[in-house]
Amino acid sequence: MFATEDNKKLFALVQEQAKKLGIEMTAKVGGGSSDAGWTVRAGAPTLCGMGAIGEFNHTTREYIFVDSLVQRAKLLAFIH
């Protein structure tokens, strides 16, 4: 996934709404690949990593923080 101006605008909107909920959002650029790369290539503003918060993604030790599901649902509801 590569950064586009539309992605940056979308992130700014999400970050603004997150502040209203007391959530600190920071941009992070990492390696690898995800479905987000395909939607960006199709021209859709996209953010990756908006799902549940956890650790050890894509390993046998992967887990999520259950409370993060509520937090993310609230954040997504604020964005429209």
Protein backbone atom coordinates (compact mmCIF):
# COMPACT_ATOMS: atom_id res chain seq x y z
CA MET A 1 0.00 0.00 0.00
CA PHE A 2 1.36 3.40 -0.86
CA ALA A 3 0.44 6.78 0.60
CA THR A 4 -1.84 8.99 -1.48
CA GLU A 5 -3.28 12.42 -0.83
CA ASP A 6 -6.73 10.84 -0.42
CA ASN A 7 -5.35 8.38 2.16
CA LYS A 8 -3.79 11.27 4.06
CA LYS A 9 -7.11 13.18 4.05
CA LEU A 10 -8.96 10.09 5.28
CA PHE A 11 -6.43 9.58 8.05
CA ALA A 12 -6.79 13.21 9.13
CA LEU A 13 -10.57 12.69 9.40
CA VAL A 14 -10.16 9.49 11.41
CA GLN A 15 -7.58 11.12 13.66
CA GLU A 16 -9.90 14.09 14.31
CA GLN A 17 -12.81 11.81 15.23
CA ALA A 18 -10.57 9.60 17.37
CA LYS A 19 -9.58 12.61 19.47
CA LYS A 20 -13.26 13.14 20.32
CA LEU A 21 -13.27 9.62 21.78
CA GLY A 22 -10.00 10.08 23.63
CA ILE A 23 -8.14 7.80 21.21
CA GLU A 24 -4.69 8.73 19.97
CA MET A 25 -4.13 7.66 16.37
CA THR A 26 -0.71 7.78 14.79
CA ALA A 27 0.24 6.92 11.25
CA LYS A 28 2.54 3.96 10.83
CA VAL A 29 4.15 2.78 7.64
CA GLY A 30 5.28 -0.80 7.58
CA GLY A 31 6.37 -3.44 5.16
CA GLY A 32 4.41 -6.36 3.88
CA SER A 33 1.10 -6.48 2.10
CA SER A 34 -2.61 -6.44 2.87
CA ASP A 35 -5.92 -6.12 1.05
CA ALA A 36 -5.58 -2.36 1.57
CA GLY A 37 -2.92 -2.31 -1.13
CA TRP A 38 -5.45 -3.49 -3.68
CA THR A 39 -8.11 -0.94 -2.77
CA VAL A 40 -5.56 1.90 -2.94
CA ARG A 41 -4.48 0.73 -6.38
CA ALA A 42 -8.15 0.80 -7.41
CA GLY A 43 -8.27 4.48 -6.38
CA ALA A 44 -10.18 4.12 -3.11
CA PRO A 45 -8.96 6.10 -0.08
CA THR A 46 -7.88 3.38 2.34
CA LEU A 47 -6.49 2.93 5.83
CA CYS A 48 -4.99 -0.35 6.94
CA GLY A 49 -5.07 -1.61 10.50
CA MET A 50 -8.49 -0.28 11.52
CA GLY A 51 -9.60 -3.59 13.02
CA ALA A 52 -9.12 -4.97 16.49
CA ILE A 53 -5.94 -4.13 18.36
CA GLY A 54 -3.72 -7.03 19.30
CA GLU A 55 -0.27 -8.48 19.09
CA PHE A 56 1.69 -11.10 17.17
CA ASN A 57 -0.44 -10.73 14.02
CA HIS A 58 -0.42 -13.68 11.63
CA THR A 59 1.35 -16.04 14.02
CA THR A 60 0.18 -18.90 16.21
CA ARG A 61 0.50 -16.51 19.17
CA GLU A 62 -1.84 -13.87 17.68
CA TYR A 63 -4.48 -12.37 19.98
CA ILE A 64 -6.67 -9.27 20.28
CA PHE A 65 -7.70 -7.03 23.13
CA VAL A 66 -11.47 -7.60 23.28
CA ASP A 67 -12.13 -4.06 24.55
CA SER A 68 -10.57 -2.73 21.35
CA LEU A 69 -13.56 -4.06 19.37
CA VAL A 70 -15.89 -1.63 21.15
CA GLN A 71 -13.41 1.23 20.75
CA ARG A 72 -13.00 0.61 17.01
CA ALA A 73 -16.75 0.22 16.47
CA LYS A 74 -17.35 3.60 18.12
CA LEU A 75 -14.63 5.20 16.00
CA LEU A 76 -16.04 3.79 12.78
CA ALA A 77 -19.52 4.98 13.75
CA PHE A 78 -18.18 8.54 14.08
CA ILE A 79 -16.78 8.48 10.54
CA HIS A 80 -19.38 9.06 7.87
